[in-house]
Structures are given as structure tokens and as C-alpha cells.
Amino acid sequence: MTAVRVMGSETEYGIHAPSAPGSNATWLSTQVVHAYALVSGDRAAGGSEARWDYTDEDPLADARGWTVPRHTAHPSQLTDVPPELTAAQIALEGGELDDDGSTGPLMMNMVLGNGARLYVDHAHPEYSSPEVTNPYDAVRWDAAGDQVALAAVRQIAANPALPEVNLYKNNTDNKAVSYGSHENYLMPRSVPFSHIVRGLTPFFTTRALICGAGRVGKGQDGSVPGFQLSQRADFFEAEVGLETTIRRPIINTRDEPHATAEKYRRLHVIIGDANFSHVSNYLKFGTTSLVLDLIENGEAPQVEVQGPVEALRAVSHDTTLRGLHRLADGRRATALDIQWMYLEAAAKRAAATGASDSVTGDGHTSQVLARWEQVLTGLAGGPEAVAGQVEWAAKLGLLEQYRQRDSLGWDNPRLGLIDLQWSDVRPEKGLYHRLLAHGRMERLVSDADIAAAVRQPPSDTRAYFRGQCIQRYGASIVGASWDSVIFELPGQRRLRRVPTREPLRGTQALTGRLFAAHPDAESFLAELLDLPALKGQ
């Protein structure tokens, strides 16, 4: 039993230009990417306007054993096609076209010096974190993305030629539009996908209890007054499926490993909320990793929720946490009961394997188990008991203060504005940040460690190789992806593509000496490509 595995996050930020409400969202998002390029250009850990290498991407491959024909796929599924702005859109926003018809200064993609990716996805700026190996680092490099977003906002605000842009770490505009906060977990391909579906569905149906971000309003457009645990729950319409923006499924079947395909499966999780709360984010990654371990070893709880899509919404709408859900065996259980089933199964396996021992274990599993138990125990007494850890509980507590002070009903639009202000990435504006500054939200990762994660990649995955290449040899890199870095050296006619399909190679331990020994890309590649593992690539 272990909480250690390769994992990472993807966050699409809500974007708004208050002084230019009619602006094209894709154009605004390019300005965010471009702004961060200006900010990071003078830093040692800056980014590179590298072309994204789509060679190994196949977003229409389905884990159930087939590939969706491109002509039948929704356009949003074609993530292997770079986003584009038309000439008309660029002209409308005051942009410029180069003589060859290209978009000039508009940037769609950056590979960052910390191994992450910043790009335009579905008309939103998205930060995709570098690969990490544990839930603590997942929180750390996800929070680094918030600092990247903040730096871009500050840069745009300093440019009088651009409209002010605000970014929000949330998942809906409360006008029936939702944007994603995704997680990725590496698993052995040998695990049957049906086992993943069976083991994860009840867990995901109830997971909002510990990592929901909270939302004012119910229904996709938020028109039903009230508060719910999750930003995303009302947007899910299927149990299993390939889509991510329409007919959203609880279990996503995209089979795009970004790794050695014969060996690995990348589980693409689209059901999570975007979290500021360190504890909620930590539990989101940590508990999911433990549940995957249970599934991989055939020890997941034998529980099945009837009508999981309906149950998902019911769980989110139930702030009392007392609602009963019918199980396939005829029993009824609360969402808390189901979470306890998973925790007890994980604790039992951890004890049997020695992983729960803080001395002999991996250093993460015991901490996740303890935190999971603490939060579930607290929730049994009401959300106020965990308001300093669980994001939806903290937001609800703050909203209730406003409601009581000003006698506000849940249909009062001021509450929706407070909800939005919670997610503002600017510390002086965001209500989450104010609670954090006043010690009302528990911090797991220091500001110094987050700032370091903005500049540096994790040392124990291939993200180290990618990030160091960008930092040291950025001028010689023309493309990159999760599983490749492409070099173009002066005077050479062909590109050199260095594959990075093994996520636990390219680490500091394996490549640090090479980077230290070679100040230029040419000599670095000469030694690197002479290594036995890379000959013939």
C-alpha cells in the first residue's frame, strides 16, 4: 500500500476582462501566456515558446478497447490539434498579423522551466503541472501554477494597452459553462479497466466531502438557490465515457498514457474541483492514489451505488451529510459511510504491508491515512469542525457569516459574487487568501517552497530533464511534450528528438551530472545520445 505514484494536475482558470466584457476569451488567454513569457524571460527558470509535440498524442483512443473516428468526435475532444485564432478575431481584438498570416506576438503554448506547461485550452489559460511522485508535491506544484497565473495578471495590469484580466481558480461561470480541473495518475496497464470503473465510481461519487470547493447555486446555470459541496457535480451526465466537455462521465476513458503504452495507463480524472485549500488538494491526490492501490491489488471495497450520476449530485447538494444512498445490495449508506469503507480498506492494507508505519513506510501513506481519518471524523460533527481544512466547509462558513449579518437568502446575488471573489488568484482580492493570511486555513506548503516550485522542476521524475533543458538550452529547443524534447542545433539540418517515455527516468539522480558538465546544448546532446539507452533513437 502506497500513496506514492506518478501524478499531476491540470487547471483551466476562469478568465474575465471587466473593462472589456465582449473580448474574445481565446485572445485574452493568449495574452496570459504572452504576459508570463515576458515575466519569466529574465528569470533563470523562464519558459520557452516551444511548439508542443503532438506526435504521441491520441485523444480519441478509448480505454475500453477502441478508437473514436475523428469525423464523429466533438471538436473539443481533438486536443492533438493546436488552438487557433482567425484573422478576424485577431483584428477584432487589436492584434497583428505577420506578413505570412501568422499571429505575430500571440502565444498559445509555453513549456516552463519547472517542467510544467502553460497554454490556451478551450478558451481558457491552462497550467498543467509537472509530473510528481507524491500528494505533497502535487499540492506544491499545483500551487505554483497559481503563482504563474498571478504573475501573468500582474504583468497585464502593468500594460495600459491591454484590458485588465482577472483569473479565477474555479470551475464554472454559473451561466451553464464549466471548465476543468483534472488529475492524472499513472497505473499499470495490466489492471483491467472494468476493475478501475467498479472500484473508483463509489469513491468519486462521494469524494466531494473531502475535496469539494463549494458553490453557490444548484443546477448547471446555478439558478436554483442554495449551496453545494462541489463546483463540478451538476455538470456530469454519464457514468463512463471519453468526453470531457460534453456528456461528462464520472470515469473518463481517454487512453493516452504519455508514457510507454505497453507498460502504463494514465488515468485521466475530470471530476475534481480546483482547490486552493492545501488540505483538500492533498486529500484529493492522496486518497485517490491509495484507492488506486486497492484496485490494483484487488482489495477495493465491494460497494456499488445505484444511480451514481444522480447520487453524485445528491451528495453535492446535501450539506447536512445525512442523505442516504441506495446500494446495489439493498443497503442504504451516507456518503460519509462510503468514504469510511474506503478508508478502512486502505488502513487495513497499509497495516498488512507495513506502509502505515511512519518509520518503515514511504513517509506519505501514513500521513494521508491520518489526515483522511481526521477529516471524516470531523465531518461527522458538522462542516464547521473542518472549516480550516476542507474548502467547501470554509467557504460555507464564510457565506453563512454574511448571510446572518445581512439577512441574505441564498438567492441573493451578493452571495454569488462572494463565491467568485473566493477564487480570485490575487491575494489582495481573493477571499481564500484573506482567510489563509489570518490563519483560518491550514497551510501544508510554505510560500518559499511554492516559490521554489515556480522556478524549479521536481527532481524525481522526467520533469527534471524537461525543465533543465528549458532553463539551460531553451534557445535550442523547438518543441517538447510530456514524453519528448526536440532540439534544433545551429548548422544541423535535422531535428533531434529525445524521447522521455519513462516517467521515472530523466531524474536529477540520473541526469544531473550531464547538465552540470555541459553548458551548451551541442555537447550535452553529443554525450546524451551516445548513451546506450538512447542509441538508435
Protein backbone atom coordinates (compact mmCIF):
# COMPACT_ATOMS: atom_id res chain seq x y z
CA MET A 1 0.00 0.00 0.00
CA THR A 2 1.43 3.35 -1.01
CA ALA A 3 0.35 6.88 -1.82
CA VAL A 4 3.44 7.25 -3.99
CA ARG A 5 2.91 7.14 -7.75
CA VAL A 6 3.43 9.47 -10.73
CA MET A 7 0.67 12.09 -10.71
CA GLY A 8 -0.09 15.64 -11.77
CA SER A 9 -2.77 18.30 -12.18
CA GLU A 10 -4.30 20.42 -14.91
CA THR A 11 -6.09 23.68 -14.09
CA GLU A 12 -8.12 25.77 -16.51
CA TYR A 13 -8.55 29.22 -14.97
CA GLY A 14 -11.73 31.21 -15.32
CA ILE A 15 -10.93 34.42 -17.20
CA HIS A 16 -12.69 37.78 -17.24
CA ALA A 17 -11.87 41.26 -18.51
CA PRO A 18 -14.13 43.63 -16.50
CA SER A 19 -13.48 46.65 -18.73
CA ALA A 20 -13.88 44.69 -21.97
CA PRO A 21 -16.65 42.11 -21.38
CA GLY A 22 -17.03 41.35 -25.07
CA SER A 23 -13.41 40.35 -25.59
CA ASN A 24 -12.68 37.02 -27.23
CA ALA A 25 -11.73 34.59 -24.43
CA THR A 26 -9.16 32.78 -26.55
CA TRP A 27 -7.41 36.05 -27.36
CA LEU A 28 -7.43 37.03 -23.70
CA SER A 29 -5.94 33.66 -22.82
CA THR A 30 -3.11 34.17 -25.31
CA GLN A 31 -2.34 37.42 -23.53
CA VAL A 32 -1.97 35.50 -20.27
CA VAL A 33 0.56 33.15 -21.85
CA HIS A 34 2.38 36.02 -23.52
CA ALA A 35 2.43 38.02 -20.29
CA TYR A 36 4.05 35.18 -18.40
CA ALA A 37 6.63 34.84 -21.16
CA LEU A 38 7.57 38.48 -20.52
CA VAL A 39 7.70 37.95 -16.76
CA SER A 40 9.75 34.77 -16.90
CA GLY A 41 12.05 35.84 -19.73
CA ASP A 42 14.51 37.47 -17.35
CA ARG A 43 14.47 34.60 -14.90
CA ALA A 44 16.80 31.63 -14.85
CA ALA A 45 13.77 29.37 -14.71
CA GLY A 46 11.92 31.04 -17.55
CA GLY A 47 9.82 29.34 -20.17
CA SER A 48 10.25 28.69 -23.85
CA GLU A 49 7.82 29.40 -26.65
CA ALA A 50 8.31 25.83 -27.79
CA ARG A 51 5.96 24.11 -30.18
CA TRP A 52 4.06 21.38 -28.39
CA ASP A 53 5.00 17.97 -29.76
CA TYR A 54 1.72 16.20 -30.54
CA THR A 55 3.44 13.15 -32.07
CA ASP A 56 2.41 10.67 -29.39
CA GLU A 57 -0.99 12.14 -28.54
CA ASP A 58 -4.15 10.24 -29.40
CA PRO A 59 -7.13 11.78 -27.55
CA LEU A 60 -9.67 9.54 -29.29
CA ALA A 61 -8.22 6.25 -28.03
CA ASP A 62 -10.68 4.72 -25.58
CA ALA A 63 -9.53 2.55 -22.67
CA ARG A 64 -12.40 0.17 -23.38
CA GLY A 65 -10.63 -1.04 -26.48
CA TRP A 66 -11.50 1.17 -29.45
CA THR A 67 -10.72 4.50 -31.09
CA VAL A 68 -13.43 7.02 -31.90
CA PRO A 69 -13.44 8.06 -35.59
CA ARG A 70 -12.32 11.66 -35.95
CA HIS A 71 -15.31 12.62 -38.08
CA THR A 72 -17.68 11.66 -35.26
CA ALA A 73 -15.75 13.31 -32.43
CA HIS A 74 -16.78 16.59 -30.83
CA PRO A 75 -14.22 19.31 -31.71
CA SER A 76 -13.34 19.75 -28.03
CA GLN A 77 -12.03 16.18 -27.97
CA LEU A 78 -9.35 16.91 -30.57
CA THR A 79 -6.69 18.03 -28.12
CA ASP A 80 -3.96 16.97 -30.53
CA VAL A 81 -4.87 19.96 -32.73
CA PRO A 82 -3.38 23.29 -31.60
CA PRO A 83 -5.95 26.05 -30.92
CA GLU A 84 -6.07 28.83 -33.47
CA LEU A 85 -7.37 32.36 -33.71
CA THR A 86 -8.79 33.51 -37.01
CA ALA A 87 -7.54 36.70 -38.64
CA ALA A 88 -10.92 38.29 -37.93
CA GLN A 89 -10.68 37.51 -34.22
CA ILE A 90 -7.17 38.90 -34.02
CA ALA A 91 -8.14 42.08 -35.84
CA LEU A 92 -11.19 42.48 -33.62
CA GLU A 93 -9.00 42.48 -30.52
CA GLY A 94 -6.37 44.78 -31.95
CA GLY A 95 -3.81 42.08 -32.59
CA GLU A 96 -1.49 41.98 -35.56
CA LEU A 97 -0.84 39.52 -38.34
CA ASP A 98 2.63 38.94 -39.72
CA ASP A 99 3.21 39.12 -43.46
CA ASP A 100 2.85 35.35 -43.72
CA GLY A 101 -0.54 35.40 -41.96
CA SER A 102 0.74 34.09 -38.64
CA THR A 103 -0.47 35.53 -35.35
CA GLY A 104 2.61 37.56 -34.52
CA PRO A 105 3.05 38.08 -30.78
CA LEU A 106 0.09 35.93 -29.76
CA MET A 107 1.32 32.90 -27.84
CA MET A 108 -0.59 29.67 -27.41
CA ASN A 109 1.94 27.49 -25.62
CA MET A 110 4.89 27.64 -23.26
CA VAL A 111 6.97 24.91 -21.70
CA LEU A 112 8.15 26.23 -18.35
CA GLY A 113 11.45 25.85 -16.58
CA ASN A 114 9.73 23.96 -13.73
CA GLY A 115 8.66 21.26 -16.19
CA ALA A 116 5.05 22.48 -16.45
CA ARG A 117 3.05 23.60 -19.46
CA LEU A 118 1.15 26.90 -19.79
CA TYR A 119 -1.14 27.11 -22.80
CA VAL A 120 -4.54 28.01 -24.20
CA ASP A 121 -7.11 25.24 -23.86
CA HIS A 122 -10.80 25.65 -24.76
CA ALA A 123 -10.58 29.45 -24.49
CA HIS A 124 -9.00 29.29 -21.02
CA PRO A 125 -5.40 29.63 -19.88
CA GLU A 126 -4.35 26.25 -18.51
CA TYR A 127 -1.46 25.33 -16.27
CA SER A 128 -0.51 21.65 -16.41
CA SER A 129 1.82 20.78 -13.57
CA PRO A 130 5.00 18.75 -13.97
CA GLU A 131 4.87 15.09 -13.02
CA VAL A 132 5.43 14.45 -9.30
CA THR A 133 5.52 11.29 -7.21
CA ASN A 134 3.52 12.09 -4.09
CA PRO A 135 0.49 14.10 -2.90
CA TYR A 136 2.56 16.70 -1.05
CA ASP A 137 4.46 17.61 -4.21
CA ALA A 138 1.20 17.53 -6.16
CA VAL A 139 -0.10 20.31 -3.88
CA ARG A 140 3.17 22.20 -4.14
CA TRP A 141 3.47 22.29 -7.93
CA ASP A 142 -0.27 22.88 -8.35
CA ALA A 143 0.04 25.94 -6.09
CA ALA A 144 3.00 27.03 -8.23
CA GLY A 145 0.52 27.30 -11.09
CA ASP A 146 -1.48 29.83 -9.11
CA GLN A 147 1.67 31.93 -8.79
CA VAL A 148 2.27 31.66 -12.53
CA ALA A 149 -1.31 32.86 -13.13
CA LEU A 150 -0.86 35.71 -10.65
CA ALA A 151 2.38 36.85 -12.29
CA ALA A 152 0.64 36.98 -15.67
CA VAL A 153 -2.26 39.00 -14.21
CA ARG A 154 0.19 41.50 -12.70
CA GLN A 155 2.07 41.84 -15.99
CA ILE A 156 -1.11 42.50 -17.96
CA ALA A 157 -2.26 45.08 -15.39
CA ALA A 158 1.01 46.94 -15.91
CA ASN A 159 0.35 47.29 -19.66
CA PRO A 160 -2.02 50.22 -20.35
CA ALA A 161 -2.62 48.95 -23.89
CA LEU A 162 -4.37 45.82 -22.60
CA PRO A 163 -7.65 45.44 -20.73
CA GLU A 164 -7.34 44.28 -17.15
CA VAL A 165 -7.63 40.48 -16.90
CA ASN A 166 -8.78 38.62 -13.81
CA LEU A 167 -8.16 34.90 -13.33
CA TYR A 168 -10.21 32.66 -11.06
CA LYS A 169 -9.39 29.21 -9.76
CA ASN A 170 -12.93 27.87 -10.04
CA ASN A 171 -14.87 25.59 -12.36
CA THR A 172 -17.99 27.40 -13.55
CA ASP A 173 -19.20 30.84 -14.59
CA ASN A 174 -22.69 30.00 -13.21
CA LYS A 175 -24.06 30.51 -16.72
CA ALA A 176 -24.14 26.79 -17.57
CA VAL A 177 -20.45 26.69 -18.55
CA SER A 178 -17.90 24.57 -16.70
CA TYR A 179 -14.15 24.31 -17.21
CA GLY A 180 -11.92 21.63 -15.90
CA SER A 181 -9.60 20.80 -13.07
CA HIS A 182 -8.14 17.44 -13.98
CA GLU A 183 -5.85 14.97 -12.26
CA ASN A 184 -3.61 12.32 -13.80
CA TYR A 185 -2.35 9.13 -12.18
CA LEU A 186 -0.03 6.53 -13.69
CA MET A 187 -1.18 2.92 -13.32
CA PRO A 188 -0.05 -0.46 -14.62
CA ARG A 189 -1.77 -1.25 -17.91
CA SER A 190 -2.30 -4.80 -16.67
CA VAL A 191 -5.15 -3.65 -14.41
CA PRO A 192 -8.45 -4.32 -16.25
CA PHE A 193 -10.30 -1.08 -16.89
CA SER A 194 -13.54 -2.63 -15.64
CA HIS A 195 -11.89 -3.04 -12.22
CA ILE A 196 -10.98 0.65 -12.25
CA VAL A 197 -14.57 1.64 -13.03
CA ARG A 198 -16.02 -0.64 -10.37
CA GLY A 199 -13.57 0.43 -7.68
CA LEU A 200 -13.49 4.16 -8.35
CA THR A 201 -17.13 5.03 -9.07
CA PRO A 202 -18.45 4.92 -5.46
CA PHE A 203 -15.34 6.74 -4.25
CA PHE A 204 -15.64 9.53 -6.82
CA THR A 205 -19.39 9.78 -6.21
CA THR A 206 -18.69 10.75 -2.58
CA ARG A 207 -15.22 12.35 -2.78
CA ALA A 208 -16.56 15.93 -2.73
CA LEU A 209 -16.94 15.56 1.04
CA ILE A 210 -13.20 15.93 1.46
CA CYS A 211 -12.13 17.95 -1.59
CA GLY A 212 -15.13 19.83 -2.96
CA ALA A 213 -14.51 23.57 -3.44
CA GLY A 214 -18.12 24.60 -2.71
CA ARG A 215 -20.50 26.51 -4.92
CA VAL A 216 -23.37 28.98 -4.56
CA GLY A 217 -26.31 27.83 -6.68
CA LYS A 218 -27.56 24.49 -7.93
CA GLY A 219 -28.08 23.28 -11.47
CA GLN A 220 -25.68 23.90 -14.32
CA ASP A 221 -26.68 27.57 -14.55
CA GLY A 222 -26.78 27.98 -10.77
CA SER A 223 -30.34 29.26 -10.92
CA VAL A 224 -31.64 27.09 -8.06
CA PRO A 225 -30.90 28.88 -4.77
CA GLY A 226 -28.66 27.10 -2.30
CA PHE A 227 -25.14 25.92 -1.62
CA GLN A 228 -23.46 22.69 -2.63
CA LEU A 229 -20.19 20.92 -1.90
CA SER A 230 -18.84 20.69 -5.46
CA GLN A 231 -18.27 23.12 -8.32
CA ARG A 232 -18.46 20.34 -10.90
CA ALA A 233 -21.06 17.79 -9.77
CA ASP A 234 -24.04 19.24 -11.66
CA PHE A 235 -22.16 19.04 -14.95
CA PHE A 236 -21.77 15.25 -15.02
CA GLU A 237 -24.22 13.25 -17.07
CA ALA A 238 -22.72 9.79 -17.59
CA GLU A 239 -21.02 7.05 -15.60
CA VAL A 240 -18.27 6.16 -18.09
CA GLY A 241 -17.18 7.88 -21.30
CA LEU A 242 -14.47 9.55 -23.37
CA GLU A 243 -15.78 13.11 -23.42
CA THR A 244 -14.52 15.87 -21.13
CA THR A 245 -16.61 18.91 -22.12
CA ILE A 246 -19.94 17.31 -23.12
CA ARG A 247 -21.79 14.36 -21.55
CA ARG A 248 -19.11 14.42 -18.87
CA PRO A 249 -18.56 11.00 -17.25
CA ILE A 250 -17.59 10.14 -13.69
CA ILE A 251 -14.90 7.83 -15.10
CA ASN A 252 -13.09 9.16 -18.15
CA THR A 253 -11.80 6.58 -20.64
CA ARG A 254 -9.19 8.57 -22.53
CA ASP A 255 -6.32 6.17 -23.18
CA GLU A 256 -3.41 8.50 -23.77
CA PRO A 257 -0.62 7.34 -21.46
CA HIS A 258 2.08 9.94 -22.26
CA ALA A 259 4.44 7.11 -21.36
CA THR A 260 5.42 3.63 -22.52
CA ALA A 261 2.00 2.46 -23.68
CA GLU A 262 2.60 -1.26 -23.20
CA LYS A 263 3.50 -0.71 -19.56
CA TYR A 264 1.43 2.21 -18.32
CA ARG A 265 -2.06 3.61 -18.26
CA ARG A 266 -2.63 7.27 -17.41
CA LEU A 267 -5.89 7.57 -15.51
CA HIS A 268 -7.36 10.91 -16.57
CA VAL A 269 -9.66 12.19 -13.80
CA ILE A 270 -12.01 15.02 -14.75
CA ILE A 271 -14.40 15.01 -11.81
CA GLY A 272 -12.38 17.06 -9.32
CA ASP A 273 -12.77 20.68 -8.28
CA ALA A 274 -9.99 23.26 -8.47
CA ASN A 275 -8.72 23.66 -4.92
CA PHE A 276 -6.90 26.46 -3.16
CA SER A 277 -7.10 24.61 0.17
CA HIS A 278 -3.89 22.71 0.75
CA VAL A 279 -5.62 20.03 2.81
CA SER A 280 -8.43 19.42 0.30
CA ASN A 281 -5.92 19.25 -2.55
CA TYR A 282 -3.67 16.94 -0.54
CA LEU A 283 -6.57 14.60 0.23
CA LYS A 284 -7.74 14.69 -3.37
CA PHE A 285 -4.42 13.33 -4.64
CA GLY A 286 -3.50 11.23 -1.62
CA THR A 287 -6.76 9.34 -1.12
CA THR A 288 -7.22 8.72 -4.85
CA SER A 289 -3.73 7.27 -5.04
CA LEU A 290 -4.50 4.94 -2.12
CA VAL A 291 -7.77 3.82 -3.71
CA LEU A 292 -5.92 3.04 -6.94
CA ASP A 293 -3.53 0.90 -4.93
CA LEU A 294 -6.51 -1.00 -3.51
CA ILE A 295 -7.88 -1.54 -7.02
CA GLU A 296 -4.53 -2.68 -8.40
CA ASN A 297 -4.27 -5.28 -5.66
CA GLY A 298 -7.88 -6.47 -5.76
CA GLU A 299 -8.75 -5.09 -2.33
CA ALA A 300 -11.17 -2.25 -3.13
CA PRO A 301 -14.41 -2.27 -1.06
CA GLN A 302 -17.19 -4.32 -2.60
CA VAL A 303 -19.71 -1.48 -2.75
CA GLU A 304 -21.87 -0.26 -5.62
CA VAL A 305 -24.03 2.86 -5.55
CA GLN A 306 -27.25 2.70 -7.54
CA GLY A 307 -27.58 5.59 -9.99
CA PRO A 308 -24.12 7.09 -9.38
CA VAL A 309 -24.74 10.21 -11.51
CA GLU A 310 -27.84 11.08 -9.51
CA ALA A 311 -26.04 10.16 -6.29
CA LEU A 312 -23.10 12.42 -7.23
CA ARG A 313 -25.43 15.42 -7.41
CA ALA A 314 -27.34 14.41 -4.30
CA VAL A 315 -24.10 14.19 -2.32
CA SER A 316 -23.06 17.62 -3.55
CA HIS A 317 -26.41 19.19 -2.65
CA ASP A 318 -26.51 17.71 0.88
CA THR A 319 -24.66 19.99 3.28
CA THR A 320 -26.09 18.02 6.23
CA LEU A 321 -24.15 14.92 5.08
CA ARG A 322 -27.05 12.79 6.30
CA GLY A 323 -28.62 11.78 2.99
CA LEU A 324 -28.93 8.04 2.40
CA HIS A 325 -27.98 6.44 -0.91
CA ARG A 326 -29.19 3.05 -2.05
CA LEU A 327 -26.51 0.44 -2.66
CA ALA A 328 -26.80 -2.44 -5.11
CA ASP A 329 -27.10 -4.96 -2.27
CA GLY A 330 -30.15 -3.17 -0.87
CA ARG A 331 -28.41 -1.36 1.96
CA ARG A 332 -28.56 2.40 2.40
CA ALA A 333 -25.48 4.41 3.29
CA THR A 334 -24.47 8.03 3.68
CA ALA A 335 -21.63 9.50 1.67
CA LEU A 336 -19.60 9.52 4.88
CA ASP A 337 -20.30 5.80 5.35
CA ILE A 338 -18.93 5.09 1.88
CA GLN A 339 -15.81 7.16 2.46
CA TRP A 340 -15.23 5.27 5.71
CA MET A 341 -15.45 1.98 3.79
CA TYR A 342 -12.61 3.10 1.56
CA LEU A 343 -10.54 4.49 4.41
CA GLU A 344 -10.90 1.29 6.44
CA ALA A 345 -9.91 -0.85 3.44
CA ALA A 346 -6.84 1.34 2.85
CA ALA A 347 -5.86 1.30 6.53
CA LYS A 348 -6.19 -2.49 6.63
CA ARG A 349 -3.97 -2.95 3.58
CA ALA A 350 -1.46 -0.40 4.86
CA ALA A 351 -1.19 -2.23 8.17
CA ALA A 352 -0.72 -5.55 6.40
CA THR A 353 2.05 -4.19 4.15
CA GLY A 354 3.76 -2.06 6.78
CA ALA A 355 3.00 1.14 4.86
CA SER A 356 1.15 2.69 7.80
CA ASP A 357 4.33 2.66 9.88
CA SER A 358 5.79 6.17 9.81
CA VAL A 359 9.31 4.72 10.14
CA THR A 360 9.27 1.82 7.70
CA GLY A 361 6.63 3.20 5.32
CA ASP A 362 7.09 5.57 2.39
CA GLY A 363 6.58 8.70 4.51
CA HIS A 364 3.36 9.67 2.74
CA THR A 365 0.88 6.83 3.18
CA SER A 366 0.59 7.12 6.95
CA GLN A 367 0.11 10.89 6.70
CA VAL A 368 -2.66 10.59 4.11
CA LEU A 369 -4.44 7.94 6.17
CA ALA A 370 -4.22 10.05 9.33
CA ARG A 371 -5.49 13.17 7.59
CA TRP A 372 -8.30 11.27 5.88
CA GLU A 373 -9.44 9.86 9.21
CA GLN A 374 -9.20 13.23 10.91
CA VAL A 375 -11.36 14.94 8.29
CA LEU A 376 -14.01 12.20 8.14
CA THR A 377 -14.23 12.21 11.93
CA GLY A 378 -14.60 15.98 11.92
CA LEU A 379 -17.27 15.95 9.21
CA ALA A 380 -19.38 13.64 11.37
CA GLY A 381 -19.78 16.57 13.75
CA GLY A 382 -20.64 19.09 11.05
CA PRO A 383 -18.71 21.14 8.48
CA GLU A 384 -17.65 23.79 10.99
CA ALA A 385 -15.34 21.22 12.60
CA VAL A 386 -13.19 21.06 9.45
CA ALA A 387 -13.63 24.62 8.19
CA GLY A 388 -9.89 25.23 8.44
CA GLN A 389 -9.05 22.28 6.18
CA VAL A 390 -11.89 21.38 3.79
CA GLU A 391 -12.53 24.05 1.16
CA TRP A 392 -16.29 23.76 0.80
CA ALA A 393 -16.70 23.87 4.58
CA ALA A 394 -14.55 27.01 4.81
CA LYS A 395 -16.50 28.71 2.04
CA LEU A 396 -19.84 27.74 3.56
CA GLY A 397 -18.78 29.11 6.94
CA LEU A 398 -17.79 32.43 5.37
CA LEU A 399 -21.04 32.67 3.40
CA GLU A 400 -23.09 31.91 6.48
CA GLN A 401 -21.41 34.82 8.27
CA TYR A 402 -22.51 37.18 5.50
CA ARG A 403 -25.99 35.63 5.44
CA GLN A 404 -26.51 36.09 9.16
CA ARG A 405 -25.02 39.56 9.30
CA ASP A 406 -27.07 40.96 6.41
CA SER A 407 -30.09 38.60 6.46
CA LEU A 408 -29.36 37.28 2.99
CA GLY A 409 -31.26 34.45 1.31
CA TRP A 410 -29.43 32.00 -0.91
CA ASP A 411 -30.98 33.70 -3.91
CA ASN A 412 -29.23 37.00 -3.14
CA PRO A 413 -26.74 37.79 -5.94
CA ARG A 414 -24.22 39.13 -3.45
CA LEU A 415 -23.50 35.56 -2.37
CA GLY A 416 -22.61 34.61 -5.93
CA LEU A 417 -20.14 37.49 -6.05
CA ILE A 418 -18.60 36.34 -2.78
CA ASP A 419 -18.24 32.85 -4.26
CA LEU A 420 -16.44 34.32 -7.27
CA GLN A 421 -14.24 36.52 -5.10
CA TRP A 422 -13.18 33.44 -3.14
CA SER A 423 -11.42 32.08 -6.23
CA ASP A 424 -9.58 35.24 -7.36
CA VAL A 425 -5.86 34.48 -7.73
CA ARG A 426 -4.92 37.94 -6.43
CA PRO A 427 -4.15 37.77 -2.69
CA GLU A 428 -5.50 41.25 -2.06
CA LYS A 429 -8.83 40.32 -3.68
CA GLY A 430 -9.30 36.59 -3.12
CA LEU A 431 -11.26 35.68 -0.01
CA TYR A 432 -9.49 32.34 0.36
CA HIS A 433 -6.18 34.19 0.52
CA ARG A 434 -7.54 36.51 3.21
CA LEU A 435 -8.56 33.56 5.37
CA LEU A 436 -5.14 31.99 4.80
CA ALA A 437 -3.40 35.22 5.80
CA HIS A 438 -5.43 35.33 9.02
CA GLY A 439 -4.56 31.74 9.92
CA ARG A 440 -8.08 30.44 9.29
CA MET A 441 -6.97 27.94 6.61
CA GLU A 442 -4.34 25.32 7.33
CA ARG A 443 -1.17 25.59 5.30
CA LEU A 444 0.77 22.46 4.31
CA VAL A 445 3.31 24.03 1.94
CA SER A 446 5.24 27.22 2.71
CA ASP A 447 5.28 30.23 0.41
CA ALA A 448 9.03 29.72 0.00
CA ASP A 449 8.56 26.13 -1.18
CA ILE A 450 5.83 27.18 -3.60
CA ALA A 451 8.04 29.98 -4.97
CA ALA A 452 10.84 27.45 -5.49
CA ALA A 453 8.42 25.18 -7.35
CA VAL A 454 7.65 28.04 -9.75
CA ARG A 455 11.33 28.12 -10.66
CA GLN A 456 12.47 24.52 -10.41
CA PRO A 457 11.11 21.14 -11.55
CA PRO A 458 10.64 18.11 -9.30
CA SER A 459 13.90 16.20 -9.02
CA ASP A 460 12.47 12.66 -9.08
CA THR A 461 10.64 12.44 -12.43
CA ARG A 462 11.35 13.14 -16.10
CA ALA A 463 10.07 16.68 -15.45
CA TYR A 464 13.56 17.40 -14.14
CA PHE A 465 15.04 16.64 -17.56
CA ARG A 466 12.40 18.72 -19.38
CA GLY A 467 12.71 21.67 -17.04
CA GLN A 468 16.51 21.70 -17.04
CA CYS A 469 16.56 21.53 -20.84
CA ILE A 470 14.26 24.56 -20.99
CA GLN A 471 16.28 26.50 -18.43
CA ARG A 472 19.73 25.73 -19.85
CA TYR A 473 19.18 25.17 -23.57
CA GLY A 474 15.88 26.92 -24.29
CA ALA A 475 17.18 28.69 -27.40
CA SER A 476 17.96 25.30 -28.98
CA ILE A 477 14.58 23.71 -28.20
CA VAL A 478 11.83 23.95 -30.80
CA GLY A 479 9.35 21.52 -29.32
CA ALA A 480 8.55 19.47 -26.26
CA SER A 481 5.84 17.37 -24.69
CA TRP A 482 5.41 15.09 -21.69
CA ASP A 483 7.33 12.35 -23.50
CA SER A 484 9.82 14.23 -25.69
CA VAL A 485 12.16 17.19 -26.03
CA ILE A 486 13.09 18.33 -29.55
CA PHE A 487 16.38 20.13 -30.21
CA GLU A 488 17.48 22.13 -33.24
CA LEU A 489 21.19 22.90 -33.27
CA PRO A 490 22.81 25.60 -35.42
CA GLY A 491 24.21 24.28 -38.66
CA GLN A 492 22.44 20.93 -38.41
CA ARG A 493 19.76 20.04 -40.92
CA ARG A 494 17.68 17.70 -38.81
CA LEU A 495 15.90 17.95 -35.52
CA ARG A 496 16.94 15.71 -32.65
CA ARG A 497 14.00 14.29 -30.71
CA VAL A 498 14.92 12.93 -27.29
CA PRO A 499 12.21 10.56 -26.06
CA THR A 500 11.21 10.64 -22.39
CA ARG A 501 8.61 7.88 -22.24
CA GLU A 502 9.68 6.54 -18.87
CA PRO A 503 8.32 8.97 -16.24
CA LEU A 504 10.80 7.88 -13.56
CA ARG A 505 13.86 8.40 -15.75
CA GLY A 506 15.42 11.75 -16.58
CA THR A 507 15.63 12.47 -12.85
CA GLN A 508 18.26 14.60 -11.15
CA ALA A 509 19.98 11.47 -9.90
CA LEU A 510 20.28 10.12 -13.44
CA THR A 511 20.94 13.29 -15.48
CA GLY A 512 22.15 15.95 -13.05
CA ARG A 513 25.79 15.23 -13.83
CA LEU A 514 25.19 15.69 -17.57
CA PHE A 515 23.58 19.08 -17.12
CA ALA A 516 26.35 20.24 -14.80
CA ALA A 517 29.03 19.10 -17.25
CA HIS A 518 27.67 20.74 -20.41
CA PRO A 519 26.98 24.48 -20.69
CA ASP A 520 25.77 24.18 -24.28
CA ALA A 521 23.15 22.03 -25.98
CA GLU A 522 25.52 20.63 -28.62
CA SER A 523 27.93 18.97 -26.20
CA PHE A 524 25.05 17.92 -23.95
CA LEU A 525 23.32 16.10 -26.80
CA ALA A 526 26.56 14.57 -28.01
CA GLU A 527 27.05 12.76 -24.72
CA LEU A 528 23.38 12.11 -24.08
CA LEU A 529 22.71 10.49 -27.45
CA ASP A 530 25.82 8.36 -27.08
CA LEU A 531 24.37 6.67 -24.02
CA PRO A 532 23.38 3.04 -24.70
CA ALA A 533 19.75 3.63 -23.74
CA LEU A 534 19.34 6.31 -26.41
CA LYS A 535 21.38 4.96 -29.30
CA GLY A 536 19.24 4.48 -32.37
CA GLN A 537 16.54 6.89 -31.20
